[in-house]
């Protein structure tokens, strides 16, 4: 057999093996499901000692036609223990030399009155809630180049402004007993969904973590990451972050608490009322328990959001 035939045979075998892994996890289904009240009768396992919580996104509340402060008050009446709030940089610093913390002040006041424990995401570049990118426009010179790593060397001004904002937020709120942790970035070094292909470098994020620890050496730092649960998504995640590891890898190196963003199904395309989704095959997906055994401590909360176990004791 000639060399080219051998190479073609090996390539064909590799593609067949890859297809055998991926195709069983792809399903084509209708995009719509009939709305029913069935969810009201689904049995829910008692939480036991687990603490449950929510993440509050004021922009989403506004998009739904709700008053964010009224929506927050209504949510806080429910019997959960934790709430995650965010210091959205471009909302708190809408222009050069301006600092407007009133919205977050009021959210924290409401959470404290309701007796909740609070995790504050200080960003600075990314935070939870679409569009997940909250840098003020006056700090985007030079702009973030698509396909590139955002490093301290190329974006010194952005890192300096970001760490100054982080320190200012932490110093403002560190005397509030309700706050139990600071979150740095959101899925820190992963690409920003499908909208942007730039990524923060590990060195950039490390500088932000140091800013938090400098302003508050007592409370733990939380960082989160996305946990792929199907082979196609896992391969895509590995390929896009292969140079420095994904956000879970970086969180394990720099955070005290590792949070897992867990989505059991991923819709990759939609067309003509149909959607293509990747569903994990039983026995093949990486679940949160396996991640914990591998060294990523995580305790899943509702809606797949997780806050894990504190790995550092203060004082």
Protein backbone atom coordinates (compact mmCIF):
# COMPACT_ATOMS: atom_id res chain seq x y z
CA UNK A 1 0.00 0.00 0.00
CA UNK A 2 1.38 3.39 -1.00
CA UNK A 3 2.02 6.15 1.57
CA UNK A 4 -0.83 8.34 0.33
CA UNK A 5 -3.24 5.41 0.61
CA UNK A 6 -2.07 4.72 4.16
CA UNK A 7 -2.56 8.38 5.11
CA UNK A 8 -6.02 8.41 3.55
CA UNK A 9 -6.91 5.23 5.38
CA UNK A 10 -5.76 6.62 8.73
CA UNK A 11 -7.64 9.89 8.13
CA UNK A 12 -10.78 8.02 7.21
CA UNK A 13 -10.51 5.85 10.31
CA UNK A 14 -10.01 8.94 12.48
CA UNK A 15 -13.05 10.68 10.99
CA UNK A 16 -15.13 7.54 11.47
CA UNK A 17 -14.04 7.31 15.12
CA UNK A 18 -14.82 10.99 15.70
CA UNK A 19 -18.23 10.62 14.05
CA UNK A 20 -19.02 7.63 16.25
CA UNK A 21 -18.41 9.84 19.30
CA UNK A 22 -20.21 12.95 18.12
CA UNK A 23 -23.21 11.81 16.07
CA UNK A 24 -24.99 9.95 18.89
CA UNK A 25 -25.04 13.23 20.83
CA UNK A 26 -26.63 15.32 18.06
CA UNK A 27 -30.41 15.48 17.84
CA UNK A 28 -32.75 17.37 15.54
CA UNK A 29 -35.92 18.53 17.31
CA UNK A 30 -38.62 21.12 16.93
CA UNK A 31 -37.69 24.42 18.53
CA UNK A 32 -41.03 24.94 20.29
CA UNK A 33 -42.59 23.06 23.18
CA UNK A 34 -46.19 23.49 24.29
CA UNK A 35 -46.51 25.51 27.47
CA UNK A 36 -48.09 23.56 30.32
CA UNK A 37 -48.37 23.76 34.08
CA UNK A 38 -46.63 20.42 34.48
CA UNK A 39 -43.64 22.05 36.15
CA UNK A 40 -45.79 22.85 39.18
CA UNK A 41 -46.11 19.14 39.97
CA UNK A 42 -42.52 18.01 39.45
CA UNK A 43 -41.16 16.64 42.75
CA UNK A 44 -38.20 18.59 44.09
CA UNK A 45 -35.68 16.90 46.32
CA UNK A 46 -35.18 18.65 49.71
CA UNK A 47 -32.07 20.80 49.68
CA UNK A 48 -30.67 19.31 52.88
CA UNK A 49 -27.61 21.30 53.91
CA UNK A 50 -27.06 22.79 50.43
CA UNK A 51 -27.48 26.54 50.14
CA UNK A 52 -29.58 27.70 47.21
CA UNK A 53 -29.51 31.07 45.55
CA UNK A 54 -30.17 33.22 42.51
CA UNK A 55 -28.31 35.68 40.33
CA UNK A 56 -30.04 39.01 39.83
CA UNK A 57 -29.69 40.65 36.41
CA UNK A 58 -31.22 44.14 36.32
CA UNK A 59 -30.78 44.45 32.55
CA UNK A 60 -32.81 41.29 32.01
CA UNK A 61 -35.54 42.59 34.33
CA UNK A 62 -35.70 45.79 32.27
CA UNK A 63 -35.80 43.81 29.01
CA UNK A 64 -38.82 41.91 30.37
CA UNK A 65 -40.63 45.17 31.05
CA UNK A 66 -40.15 44.98 34.82
CA UNK A 67 -38.98 47.57 37.29
CA UNK A 68 -35.64 46.10 38.47
CA UNK A 69 -35.93 47.27 42.08
CA UNK A 70 -39.50 46.00 42.43
CA UNK A 71 -38.53 42.71 40.81
CA UNK A 72 -35.63 42.32 43.24
CA UNK A 73 -37.86 42.97 46.25
CA UNK A 74 -40.31 40.33 45.02
CA UNK A 75 -37.53 37.78 44.49
CA UNK A 76 -35.98 38.41 47.89
CA UNK A 77 -39.20 37.30 49.58
CA UNK A 78 -38.53 33.71 48.51
CA UNK A 79 -36.76 31.30 50.90
CA UNK A 80 -33.29 31.04 49.36
CA UNK A 81 -30.04 31.79 51.15
CA UNK A 82 -27.69 33.35 48.58
CA UNK A 83 -27.91 36.04 45.95
CA UNK A 84 -25.30 37.08 43.41
CA UNK A 85 -25.14 40.74 42.45
CA UNK A 86 -22.82 42.50 40.05
CA UNK A 87 -20.88 45.74 39.89
CA UNK A 88 -21.46 46.46 36.19
CA UNK A 89 -18.53 48.68 35.27
CA UNK A 90 -20.15 50.73 32.51
CA UNK A 91 -23.25 51.37 34.65
CA UNK A 92 -21.23 52.48 37.66
CA UNK A 93 -18.77 54.52 35.61
CA UNK A 94 -20.80 55.95 32.72
CA UNK A 95 -18.18 58.56 31.89
CA UNK A 96 -14.63 59.64 32.72
CA UNK A 97 -14.31 60.72 36.35
CA UNK A 98 -17.86 59.60 37.23
CA UNK A 99 -18.77 56.95 39.81
CA UNK A 100 -22.42 56.05 40.36
CA UNK A 101 -22.81 53.18 42.85
CA UNK A 102 -26.40 53.98 43.81
CA UNK A 103 -28.00 51.03 41.99
CA UNK A 104 -25.73 48.46 43.64
CA UNK A 105 -26.05 50.26 47.00
CA UNK A 106 -29.82 49.80 46.87
CA UNK A 107 -29.55 46.15 45.78
CA UNK A 108 -27.23 45.37 48.69
CA UNK A 109 -29.48 47.24 51.13
CA UNK A 110 -32.46 45.16 49.97
CA UNK A 111 -30.52 41.88 50.21
CA UNK A 112 -29.37 42.72 53.73
CA UNK A 113 -32.89 43.58 54.87
CA UNK A 114 -34.04 40.21 53.54
CA UNK A 115 -31.30 38.40 55.46
CA UNK A 116 -29.52 37.05 52.38
CA UNK A 117 -25.85 36.29 51.95
CA UNK A 118 -24.32 38.00 48.94
CA UNK A 119 -21.65 37.24 46.36
CA UNK A 120 -20.59 40.38 44.46
CA UNK A 121 -19.10 40.02 40.99
CA UNK A 122 -16.62 42.85 40.52
CA UNK A 123 -15.82 42.08 36.87
CA UNK A 124 -14.25 44.11 35.68
CA UNK A 125 -14.38 43.26 31.97
CA UNK A 126 -17.00 40.50 32.04
CA UNK A 127 -19.92 39.75 34.31
CA UNK A 128 -23.04 37.58 34.27
CA UNK A 129 -26.05 38.76 32.32
CA UNK A 130 -26.18 39.50 28.59
CA UNK A 131 -24.16 40.97 26.91
CA UNK A 132 -21.66 39.83 29.60
CA UNK A 133 -19.26 42.62 28.56
CA UNK A 134 -19.40 45.84 30.55
CA UNK A 135 -16.29 47.92 29.89
CA UNK A 136 -17.07 51.65 29.60
CA UNK A 137 -16.46 52.93 26.09
CA UNK A 138 -13.89 55.47 27.29
CA UNK A 139 -11.65 52.59 28.43
CA UNK A 140 -11.66 50.76 25.09
CA UNK A 141 -8.66 52.42 23.50
CA UNK A 142 -7.17 50.45 21.87
CA UNK A 143 -10.20 48.25 21.12
CA UNK A 144 -10.09 44.56 21.91
CA UNK A 145 -8.92 42.78 18.79
CA UNK A 146 -10.97 39.77 17.71
CA UNK A 147 -9.13 36.47 17.90
CA UNK A 148 -6.47 37.85 20.24
CA UNK A 149 -5.53 37.42 23.87
CA UNK A 150 -6.07 40.53 25.98
CA UNK A 151 -2.74 40.77 27.79
CA UNK A 152 -1.35 43.24 30.35
CA UNK A 153 1.39 44.30 27.93
CA UNK A 154 -0.99 45.28 25.12
CA UNK A 155 -3.75 46.64 27.35
CA UNK A 156 -2.00 48.24 30.32
CA UNK A 157 -4.46 51.12 30.50
CA UNK A 158 -7.44 48.78 30.53
CA UNK A 159 -5.93 46.59 33.24
CA UNK A 160 -5.00 49.62 35.35
CA UNK A 161 -8.48 51.11 35.02
CA UNK A 162 -10.09 47.73 35.70
CA UNK A 163 -8.08 47.02 38.83
CA UNK A 164 -8.70 50.56 40.11
CA UNK A 165 -12.44 50.02 39.62
CA UNK A 166 -12.29 46.62 41.35
CA UNK A 167 -10.39 48.02 44.34
CA UNK A 168 -12.81 50.93 44.62
CA UNK A 169 -15.84 48.59 44.65
CA UNK A 170 -14.31 46.18 47.16
CA UNK A 171 -13.22 48.99 49.47
CA UNK A 172 -16.69 50.51 49.33
CA UNK A 173 -18.52 47.34 50.33
CA UNK A 174 -16.03 45.26 52.32
CA UNK A 175 -17.53 46.35 55.66
CA UNK A 176 -20.90 44.80 54.80
CA UNK A 177 -21.24 41.56 56.72
CA UNK A 178 -23.73 40.13 54.22
CA UNK A 179 -21.03 39.81 51.55
CA UNK A 180 -19.38 36.40 51.75
CA UNK A 181 -17.21 36.38 48.58
CA UNK A 182 -16.01 38.41 45.61
CA UNK A 183 -16.34 37.00 42.09
CA UNK A 184 -13.65 38.00 39.58
CA UNK A 185 -14.78 38.10 35.94
CA UNK A 186 -17.36 35.69 34.51
CA UNK A 187 -15.99 32.60 32.76
CA UNK A 188 -12.82 34.63 32.86
CA UNK A 189 -10.67 33.35 29.99
CA UNK A 190 -13.29 31.81 27.70
CA UNK A 191 -14.40 33.55 24.50
CA UNK A 192 -17.43 35.77 24.97
CA UNK A 193 -20.13 33.52 23.49
CA UNK A 194 -20.51 33.86 19.73
CA UNK A 195 -20.30 37.66 19.70
CA UNK A 196 -16.57 38.08 20.32
CA UNK A 197 -13.53 35.86 19.85
CA UNK A 198 -11.05 37.81 22.00
CA UNK A 199 -10.15 36.28 25.36
CA UNK A 200 -8.62 37.60 28.56
CA UNK A 201 -5.18 36.20 29.28
CA UNK A 202 -4.46 34.44 32.54
CA UNK A 203 -1.96 37.17 33.43
CA UNK A 204 -4.64 39.85 32.99
CA UNK A 205 -7.04 37.97 35.26
CA UNK A 206 -4.31 37.33 37.82
CA UNK A 207 -3.85 41.09 38.11
CA UNK A 208 -7.55 41.50 38.88
CA UNK A 209 -7.45 38.75 41.53
CA UNK A 210 -4.50 40.49 43.17
CA UNK A 211 -6.47 43.75 43.23
CA UNK A 212 -9.31 42.04 45.12
CA UNK A 213 -6.96 40.40 47.62
CA UNK A 214 -5.17 43.70 48.17
CA UNK A 215 -8.43 45.48 48.99
CA UNK A 216 -9.89 42.64 51.09
CA UNK A 217 -7.44 39.93 52.24
CA UNK A 218 -10.11 38.16 54.29
CA UNK A 219 -12.96 37.17 52.00
CA UNK A 220 -12.51 34.38 49.44
CA UNK A 221 -12.30 34.95 45.69
CA UNK A 222 -14.73 33.05 43.49
CA UNK A 223 -14.16 32.33 39.82
CA UNK A 224 -16.45 30.33 37.59
CA UNK A 225 -16.23 28.36 34.40
CA UNK A 226 -18.28 26.52 31.85
CA UNK A 227 -18.44 22.72 32.13
CA UNK A 228 -18.90 21.00 28.73
CA UNK A 229 -21.21 18.01 28.96
CA UNK A 230 -21.12 16.67 25.40
CA UNK A 231 -18.28 15.64 23.10
CA UNK A 232 -18.86 18.29 20.37
CA UNK A 233 -18.98 21.12 22.89
CA UNK A 234 -16.01 19.74 24.82
CA UNK A 235 -13.90 19.59 21.64
CA UNK A 236 -14.87 23.15 20.70
CA UNK A 237 -14.05 24.38 24.19
CA UNK A 238 -10.67 22.66 24.18
CA UNK A 239 -9.77 24.03 20.75
CA UNK A 240 -10.69 27.63 21.59
CA UNK A 241 -8.78 27.65 24.91
CA UNK A 242 -5.94 25.23 24.17
CA UNK A 243 -3.15 27.79 24.68
CA UNK A 244 -3.80 28.58 28.37
CA UNK A 245 -6.66 26.33 29.46
CA UNK A 246 -10.30 27.19 29.99
CA UNK A 247 -11.86 29.21 32.80
CA UNK A 248 -12.24 26.22 35.12
CA UNK A 249 -8.52 25.47 34.79
CA UNK A 250 -7.59 29.08 35.55
CA UNK A 251 -10.07 29.20 38.44
CA UNK A 252 -8.46 26.16 40.02
CA UNK A 253 -5.11 27.95 39.94
CA UNK A 254 -6.19 31.35 41.26
CA UNK A 255 -9.53 31.19 43.11
CA UNK A 256 -10.56 30.03 46.56
CA UNK A 257 -14.02 28.98 45.36
CA UNK A 258 -14.67 27.43 41.95
CA UNK A 259 -18.13 27.86 40.42
CA UNK A 260 -19.49 25.68 37.64
CA UNK A 261 -21.85 26.87 34.91
CA UNK A 262 -23.67 23.70 33.91
CA UNK A 263 -25.92 23.35 30.86
CA UNK A 264 -27.16 19.82 30.13
CA UNK A 265 -28.07 20.67 26.52
CA UNK A 266 -26.48 22.99 23.95
CA UNK A 267 -28.37 24.24 20.89
CA UNK A 268 -25.81 24.71 18.12
CA UNK A 269 -28.07 25.73 15.21
CA UNK A 270 -31.69 26.48 14.39
CA UNK A 271 -33.47 26.57 11.05
CA UNK A 272 -37.04 26.36 9.76
CA UNK A 273 -38.55 25.54 13.14
CA UNK A 274 -35.94 22.87 13.85
CA UNK A 275 -32.97 23.00 16.18
CA UNK A 276 -29.81 20.94 16.38
CA UNK A 277 -28.81 20.22 19.96
CA UNK A 278 -25.97 18.32 21.58
CA UNK A 279 -27.20 16.05 24.34
CA UNK A 280 -24.72 14.21 26.57
CA UNK A 281 -24.72 10.45 26.21
CA UNK A 282 -25.22 8.71 29.60
CA UNK A 283 -21.92 7.52 30.97
CA UNK A 284 -19.89 9.75 28.65
CA UNK A 285 -20.53 13.30 29.89
CA UNK A 286 -18.40 15.04 32.50
CA UNK A 287 -20.69 15.79 35.40
CA UNK A 288 -20.10 18.12 38.35
CA UNK A 289 -19.29 15.23 40.67
CA UNK A 290 -16.53 14.08 38.33
CA UNK A 291 -15.20 17.63 38.17
CA UNK A 292 -15.08 17.75 41.95
CA UNK A 293 -13.18 14.46 42.09
CA UNK A 294 -10.72 15.87 39.58
CA UNK A 295 -9.97 18.75 41.93
CA UNK A 296 -12.66 21.29 41.08
CA UNK A 297 -14.79 21.69 44.20
CA UNK A 298 -18.34 22.52 43.22
CA UNK A 299 -21.81 22.44 44.73
CA UNK A 300 -24.56 22.93 42.18
CA UNK A 301 -27.36 25.32 42.93
CA UNK A 302 -30.59 25.98 41.07
CA UNK A 303 -30.48 26.84 37.35
CA UNK A 304 -27.12 25.11 37.07
CA UNK A 305 -25.19 27.87 38.78
CA UNK A 306 -22.72 26.77 41.39
CA UNK A 307 -20.69 28.04 44.26
CA UNK A 308 -18.19 25.56 45.63
CA UNK A 309 -16.31 24.92 48.83
CA UNK A 310 -13.98 27.49 50.36
CA UNK A 311 -10.44 26.22 49.98
CA UNK A 312 -8.78 28.98 52.01
CA UNK A 313 -9.21 29.84 55.66
CA UNK A 314 -8.86 33.48 56.55
CA UNK A 315 -6.91 34.58 59.57
